[in-house]
Amino acid sequence: MSEQPTAWIETIDEADATGDVAAAYEKCGDRRSGNVDHIMKVHSLHPQSMLDHQQLYKTLMYGKSLLTRPQREMIAVVVSAINRCVY
């Protein structure tokens, strides 16, 4: 099995997070595991951008649209496959 890719961008580990970073991790992380996805963790040096990223995602995936939720997910999967993205 191949190793999961990591970001080249400096990030703050969940265990080392304090203040605004810890608060952003709390809001953006997986509530069950406490882990924060790499796609969000790359914002750890600027926690407001993490919160903004999450809000953009929620708007695109759950906001009012002519597209259904499954259609939006299918578009995301196709774009990720084209980009060879593991997310």
C-alpha atoms as a PDB file:
ATOM      1  CA  MET A   1       0.000   0.000   0.000  1.00  0.00           C
ATOM      2  CA  SER A   2       1.356   3.432  -0.861  1.00  0.00           C
ATOM      3  CA  GLU A   3       1.972   6.122   1.711  1.00  0.00           C
ATOM      4  CA  GLN A   4      -0.531   8.981   1.865  1.00  0.00           C
ATOM      5  CA  PRO A   5       0.896  12.137   0.299  1.00  0.00           C
ATOM      6  CA  THR A   6       1.636  15.034   2.592  1.00  0.00           C
ATOM      7  CA  ALA A   7       1.587  18.735   1.916  1.00  0.00           C
ATOM      8  CA  TRP A   8       4.779  20.589   1.067  1.00  0.00           C
ATOM      9  CA  ILE A   9       3.324  23.544   2.897  1.00  0.00           C
ATOM     10  CA  GLU A  10       4.377  23.957   6.516  1.00  0.00           C
ATOM     11  CA  THR A  11       1.522  22.988   8.807  1.00  0.00           C
ATOM     12  CA  ILE A  12       0.806  22.861  12.522  1.00  0.00           C
ATOM     13  CA  ASP A  13       0.031  19.420  13.925  1.00  0.00           C
ATOM     14  CA  GLU A  14      -3.211  19.039  15.853  1.00  0.00           C
ATOM     15  CA  ALA A  15      -1.266  18.216  19.025  1.00  0.00           C
ATOM     16  CA  ASP A  16       0.701  21.478  18.749  1.00  0.00           C
ATOM     17  CA  ALA A  17      -2.225  23.745  17.866  1.00  0.00           C
ATOM     18  CA  THR A  18      -3.121  26.580  20.242  1.00  0.00           C
ATOM     19  CA  GLY A  19      -5.268  29.699  20.120  1.00  0.00           C
ATOM     20  CA  ASP A  20      -6.893  30.511  16.775  1.00  0.00           C
ATOM     21  CA  VAL A  21      -5.385  27.447  15.075  1.00  0.00           C
ATOM     22  CA  ALA A  22      -6.797  25.107  17.731  1.00  0.00           C
ATOM     23  CA  ALA A  23     -10.201  26.801  17.433  1.00  0.00           C
ATOM     24  CA  ALA A  24     -10.158  26.456  13.628  1.00  0.00           C
ATOM     25  CA  TYR A  25      -9.144  22.787  13.927  1.00  0.00           C
ATOM     26  CA  GLU A  26     -12.008  22.237  16.356  1.00  0.00           C
ATOM     27  CA  LYS A  27     -14.463  23.718  13.866  1.00  0.00           C
ATOM     28  CA  CYS A  28     -13.002  22.149  10.693  1.00  0.00           C
ATOM     29  CA  GLY A  29     -11.771  18.787  11.964  1.00  0.00           C
ATOM     30  CA  ASP A  30     -13.490  15.435  12.063  1.00  0.00           C
ATOM     31  CA  ARG A  31     -15.563  15.449  15.229  1.00  0.00           C
ATOM     32  CA  ARG A  32     -15.189  11.676  15.734  1.00  0.00           C
ATOM     33  CA  SER A  33     -11.446  11.274  15.230  1.00  0.00           C
ATOM     34  CA  GLY A  34     -10.218  14.783  16.005  1.00  0.00           C
ATOM     35  CA  ASN A  35      -8.116  14.666  12.833  1.00  0.00           C
ATOM     36  CA  VAL A  36      -7.951  17.552  10.385  1.00  0.00           C
ATOM     37  CA  ASP A  37      -7.759  16.727   6.669  1.00  0.00           C
ATOM     38  CA  HIS A  38      -4.605  17.857   4.876  1.00  0.00           C
ATOM     39  CA  ILE A  39      -6.713  20.015   2.565  1.00  0.00           C
ATOM     40  CA  MET A  40      -7.687  22.079   5.621  1.00  0.00           C
ATOM     41  CA  LYS A  41      -4.427  21.743   7.562  1.00  0.00           C
ATOM     42  CA  VAL A  42      -2.512  23.585   4.818  1.00  0.00           C
ATOM     43  CA  HIS A  43      -4.276  26.697   6.113  1.00  0.00           C
ATOM     44  CA  SER A  44      -2.944  26.258   9.649  1.00  0.00           C
ATOM     45  CA  LEU A  45      -0.539  29.197   9.413  1.00  0.00           C
ATOM     46  CA  HIS A  46      -3.539  31.422   8.596  1.00  0.00           C
ATOM     47  CA  PRO A  47      -6.541  29.971  10.460  1.00  0.00           C
ATOM     48  CA  GLN A  48      -9.031  32.487   9.046  1.00  0.00           C
ATOM     49  CA  SER A  49      -8.367  31.116   5.556  1.00  0.00           C
ATOM     50  CA  MET A  50      -9.193  27.637   6.900  1.00  0.00           C
ATOM     51  CA  LEU A  51     -12.537  28.878   8.178  1.00  0.00           C
ATOM     52  CA  ASP A  52     -13.166  30.702   4.889  1.00  0.00           C
ATOM     53  CA  HIS A  53     -12.274  27.545   2.922  1.00  0.00           C
ATOM     54  CA  GLN A  54     -14.753  25.522   4.954  1.00  0.00           C
ATOM     55  CA  GLN A  55     -17.470  28.131   4.418  1.00  0.00           C
ATOM     56  CA  LEU A  56     -16.835  28.140   0.654  1.00  0.00           C
ATOM     57  CA  TYR A  57     -17.065  24.325   0.592  1.00  0.00           C
ATOM     58  CA  LYS A  58     -20.351  24.374   2.516  1.00  0.00           C
ATOM     59  CA  THR A  59     -21.782  27.019   0.199  1.00  0.00           C
ATOM     60  CA  LEU A  60     -20.775  25.120  -2.932  1.00  0.00           C
ATOM     61  CA  MET A  61     -21.907  21.717  -1.727  1.00  0.00           C
ATOM     62  CA  TYR A  62     -24.975  22.577   0.358  1.00  0.00           C
ATOM     63  CA  GLY A  63     -26.094  26.045  -0.781  1.00  0.00           C
ATOM     64  CA  LYS A  64     -29.013  26.813  -3.046  1.00  0.00           C
ATOM     65  CA  SER A  65     -28.345  25.531  -6.566  1.00  0.00           C
ATOM     66  CA  LEU A  66     -29.960  23.988  -9.609  1.00  0.00           C
ATOM     67  CA  LEU A  67     -27.583  21.043  -9.126  1.00  0.00           C
ATOM     68  CA  THR A  68     -28.442  18.262  -6.710  1.00  0.00           C
ATOM     69  CA  ARG A  69     -26.008  17.237  -3.996  1.00  0.00           C
ATOM     70  CA  PRO A  70     -25.110  13.994  -5.841  1.00  0.00           C
ATOM     71  CA  GLN A  71     -24.443  15.989  -9.030  1.00  0.00           C
ATOM     72  CA  ARG A  72     -22.105  18.304  -7.125  1.00  0.00           C
ATOM     73  CA  GLU A  73     -20.280  15.305  -5.643  1.00  0.00           C
ATOM     74  CA  MET A  74     -19.923  13.730  -9.093  1.00  0.00           C
ATOM     75  CA  ILE A  75     -18.389  16.937 -10.456  1.00  0.00           C
ATOM     76  CA  ALA A  76     -15.957  17.030  -7.519  1.00  0.00           C
ATOM     77  CA  VAL A  77     -14.950  13.397  -8.105  1.00  0.00           C
ATOM     78  CA  VAL A  78     -14.357  13.927 -11.838  1.00  0.00           C
ATOM     79  CA  VAL A  79     -12.300  17.083 -11.275  1.00  0.00           C
ATOM     80  CA  SER A  80     -10.262  15.359  -8.546  1.00  0.00           C
ATOM     81  CA  ALA A  81      -9.630  12.370 -10.831  1.00  0.00           C
ATOM     82  CA  ILE A  82      -8.510  14.640 -13.681  1.00  0.00           C
ATOM     83  CA  ASN A  83      -6.166  16.430 -11.271  1.00  0.00           C
ATOM     84  CA  ARG A  84      -4.965  13.095  -9.832  1.00  0.00           C
ATOM     85  CA  CYS A  85      -5.998  14.335  -6.426  1.00  0.00           C
ATOM     86  CA  VAL A  86      -6.461  11.766  -3.652  1.00  0.00           C
ATOM     87  CA  TYR A  87      -9.186  13.835  -2.000  1.00  0.00           C
END
